[in-house]
């Protein structure tokens, strides 16, 4: 609760670079839950009710969880406080359990967990509403199975599968980072251990189980990419500048003790690597791999010029610093336990935690200070459009129980995951603003069980642009007539031109899911349910076994 205190006291909002994009996602999911008008694919409430597809590409399960939290909270202000609190709590608990599973003491585990909660990798959500922090918060708990893999060559099939599936349901890039970590640990364990056949079988079984747990994602992504050309998130042509030793240096110094910890751990490893435990050694080496990837030691500019798809997808090399943070602090904790660091360092834990927490509070305070500037329109930028209404009204909308209001006042022309029907020299951000944001005021939209119903009044008969988006499986009916995508004269980003009539016009937008859509949801749902029930039974069996053993001991003592 301490980390959320500045916002509770000041009653301000922090609206970062990704806030409006994710707020639209959660508003859409939340309203689907509230109204019962579910639509897995198209957005019928958020994103100007355009019918664009976002959540299917971007952590659908987590989107519904966040949407439910939003509906429970009732306002954006309360939601932001609760989501921040949950993130900090999950990150601390997750790291604490990882360290305890590696047999670290409560004292060291708690110390490292608190430091982890203050890192920019976690705080990134609070300051910028960047969703990778949620993946990072769950990452430590996903690393728990690695100890048995390294020491005994044992593949914890269920834990590995569930961890990858969980990260995939939360944040896809974080999931890719987890798979990369697993791959490094597996290679090390495979070379070291003799039970290679068992390890390979274990990995194959884990992949099969993970596929079942994520059927709703990969089957429907296959459908979307097979039937559409999808606009990818923007390509950062200057990504070579977004490294932790250049423009993104603040990742290294939040908290202030992170950079010294990094140097100490590297020095300690170079001097005493032979005395490191196996698990500490591989944690440190893997951390260094991600540190290098987050820096300019990788020739990012050269790789970008080669137009490599994976490099374009990365956008910001500092994203590799998020898994580095988890791995570094884990190895640091192991080194403390193994007494590889200076013994005096342990004595300064409270001081380090104090200044780390203070730094988080100051950073939050700075973010909140932007909110209290007189004119809220200073947040407006090239791709962020704020309606010309008084600043007070815009600020109050984030405290209103009409949660749609804030998203109506504050809009962003993000073209990610739109369909692309033809190549154009026009900027896609500009196209979205021109064809959707600037056009929507003339139309009334209402979500229903089928999709979105659009209504408008026209004073003449002519071809007009509808501010909605059509994918290959989108269906549109205008004034009682079904119109195919070809007949609709689609723009480059899928907005249709249709013939309107004089007077009241109606249009209905819906989406035809693939034949295997229901199967994908059932596979995912039953797989998670099976996993949950199995876990409950395992806990029950362990307790029953302990009771039996204890009863046996008591009986023996009485007979004696």
Foldseek 3Di string as FASTA:
>chain_A
DLLLVVCVVVVFAQAAPCNLVLLLLLCQLLVCVVVVQDDQAFRCQGPLRQGFGDCLQWQVVVSNVLNVLCVVQLFLSSSLSVVLVVLLVLLLVLQLVLLVLVVFDNLLSNLLSLLRSQACLLCVCRNHVDQSNSLLSNLSNLCSQLVCCQPPVDQPLLSNLVSLLVSVSRGNVSSVLSVVLVVLSNVNSCVVDDPNVNNVVSVVSSVVLSCLQNLLRPVQVCVQVVQFAWDAFFFQLVQLQQACVHPVVVSCVQPPCNVVLLVQLVVLCVVPVVLADRVLNSLNVVLVVLNCQRHNVPVLNVVVVVVDPVSRNVRHSVSSVSVSSSSSSSSSSSCQRSVSGPVCVSVCSVVSSVSSSVVSNVSSNVSRVLRPDLAVCVPDDPFKAFDPDGSVVLRCCSVHSVVVVNSLRIDGQGLGGFGFDDDDPDDSSVVLCVQAVVPSVQWDWDADSFRIKIKGADQAKDKDWDNHADTQQKWKDKQNRTDHQVRQPADRRGTGIDIDHHTMIMMDIGGDRDPCNVVSVVSNVVSVVVSVVVVVVVVVVVVVVVVVVVVVVVVVVVVD
